[in-house]
Amino acid sequence: MAVALMISGAVAFRRSVSGQPRGPFCGMGICFECRATINGEAQRRTCQTPCAAGMEVVTDAV
C-alpha cells in the first residue's frame, strides 16, 4: 500500500506532533511512519498492507 500511495504522488502520510510531514522510512513495519486510515481502520501500517481494488485510504498529512 505504501508504494501505491507514493506512486500516486503522496510523500507525507501523516504529521508529527510538531507538524512535520512524515512518510515511509523503514518499509518493513518497524518505524510506524507510514500509518494511515485504511477502510475505516486508523493507524494501519501502509507498508505492511497489501493493495486491493476498492480500498479507501485516508492519510493524516493534510
C-alpha atoms as a PDB file:
ATOM      1  CA  MET A   1       0.000   0.000   0.000  1.00  0.00           C
ATOM      2  CA  ALA A   2       2.788   2.488   0.847  1.00  0.00           C
ATOM      3  CA  VAL A   3       4.352   2.091  -2.588  1.00  0.00           C
ATOM      4  CA  ALA A   4       0.996   2.621  -4.310  1.00  0.00           C
ATOM      5  CA  LEU A   5       0.453   5.816  -2.305  1.00  0.00           C
ATOM      6  CA  MET A   6       3.912   7.085  -3.203  1.00  0.00           C
ATOM      7  CA  ILE A   7       3.386   6.293  -6.899  1.00  0.00           C
ATOM      8  CA  SER A   8       0.163   8.303  -6.757  1.00  0.00           C
ATOM      9  CA  GLY A   9       2.150  11.315  -5.506  1.00  0.00           C
ATOM     10  CA  ALA A  10       1.757  11.102  -1.719  1.00  0.00           C
ATOM     11  CA  VAL A  11       5.051  11.840   0.018  1.00  0.00           C
ATOM     12  CA  ALA A  12       3.747  12.587   3.513  1.00  0.00           C
ATOM     13  CA  PHE A  13       1.220  10.246   5.092  1.00  0.00           C
ATOM     14  CA  ARG A  14       0.840  11.943   8.467  1.00  0.00           C
ATOM     15  CA  ARG A  15       2.188  14.855  10.541  1.00  0.00           C
ATOM     16  CA  SER A  16       4.307  14.623  13.679  1.00  0.00           C
ATOM     17  CA  VAL A  17       3.153  16.303  16.891  1.00  0.00           C
ATOM     18  CA  SER A  18       5.247  19.327  15.887  1.00  0.00           C
ATOM     19  CA  GLY A  19       3.615  19.432  12.435  1.00  0.00           C
ATOM     20  CA  GLN A  20       6.470  17.951  10.395  1.00  0.00           C
ATOM     21  CA  PRO A  21       5.428  15.767   7.417  1.00  0.00           C
ATOM     22  CA  ARG A  22       6.162  12.076   7.924  1.00  0.00           C
ATOM     23  CA  GLY A  23       6.245   9.266   5.359  1.00  0.00           C
ATOM     24  CA  PRO A  24       7.566   5.733   4.955  1.00  0.00           C
ATOM     25  CA  PHE A  25      11.045   5.262   6.355  1.00  0.00           C
ATOM     26  CA  CYS A  26      11.898   1.620   7.041  1.00  0.00           C
ATOM     27  CA  GLY A  27       9.428  -0.131   4.699  1.00  0.00           C
ATOM     28  CA  MET A  28       9.148  -3.144   6.994  1.00  0.00           C
ATOM     29  CA  GLY A  29       6.738  -2.109   9.743  1.00  0.00           C
ATOM     30  CA  ILE A  30       9.191  -1.102  12.457  1.00  0.00           C
ATOM     31  CA  CYS A  31       9.156   2.710  12.331  1.00  0.00           C
ATOM     32  CA  PHE A  32       5.348   3.306  12.094  1.00  0.00           C
ATOM     33  CA  GLU A  33       5.889   6.474   9.990  1.00  0.00           C
ATOM     34  CA  CYS A  34       3.653   5.195   7.176  1.00  0.00           C
ATOM     35  CA  ARG A  35       0.435   4.981   9.203  1.00  0.00           C
ATOM     36  CA  ALA A  36      -2.883   5.853   7.558  1.00  0.00           C
ATOM     37  CA  THR A  37      -6.570   5.010   7.889  1.00  0.00           C
ATOM     38  CA  ILE A  38      -7.406   2.060   5.646  1.00  0.00           C
ATOM     39  CA  ASN A  39     -11.042   1.057   5.136  1.00  0.00           C
ATOM     40  CA  GLY A  40     -12.013   2.972   8.269  1.00  0.00           C
ATOM     41  CA  GLU A  41      -9.356   1.397  10.491  1.00  0.00           C
ATOM     42  CA  ALA A  42      -6.971   4.068  11.830  1.00  0.00           C
ATOM     43  CA  GLN A  43      -3.228   3.732  12.415  1.00  0.00           C
ATOM     44  CA  ARG A  44      -2.661   0.929   9.883  1.00  0.00           C
ATOM     45  CA  ARG A  45       0.908   0.493   8.640  1.00  0.00           C
ATOM     46  CA  THR A  46       0.661   1.020   4.893  1.00  0.00           C
ATOM     47  CA  CYS A  47       3.996  -0.696   4.232  1.00  0.00           C
ATOM     48  CA  GLN A  48       2.553  -3.940   5.630  1.00  0.00           C
ATOM     49  CA  THR A  49      -0.877  -3.760   3.984  1.00  0.00           C
ATOM     50  CA  PRO A  50      -1.359  -5.336   0.533  1.00  0.00           C
ATOM     51  CA  CYS A  51      -3.347  -3.329  -2.017  1.00  0.00           C
ATOM     52  CA  ALA A  52      -6.784  -4.444  -3.146  1.00  0.00           C
ATOM     53  CA  ALA A  53      -9.308  -2.933  -5.511  1.00  0.00           C
ATOM     54  CA  GLY A  54     -11.740  -0.522  -3.873  1.00  0.00           C
ATOM     55  CA  MET A  55      -9.706   0.185  -0.726  1.00  0.00           C
ATOM     56  CA  GLU A  56     -10.342   3.534   0.949  1.00  0.00           C
ATOM     57  CA  VAL A  57      -7.085   5.076   2.197  1.00  0.00           C
ATOM     58  CA  VAL A  58      -7.007   8.367   4.088  1.00  0.00           C
ATOM     59  CA  THR A  59      -3.749   9.955   5.182  1.00  0.00           C
ATOM     60  CA  ASP A  60      -3.452  12.430   8.038  1.00  0.00           C
ATOM     61  CA  ALA A  61      -0.965  14.678   6.208  1.00  0.00           C
ATOM     62  CA  VAL A  62      -3.476  17.404   5.442  1.00  0.00           C
END
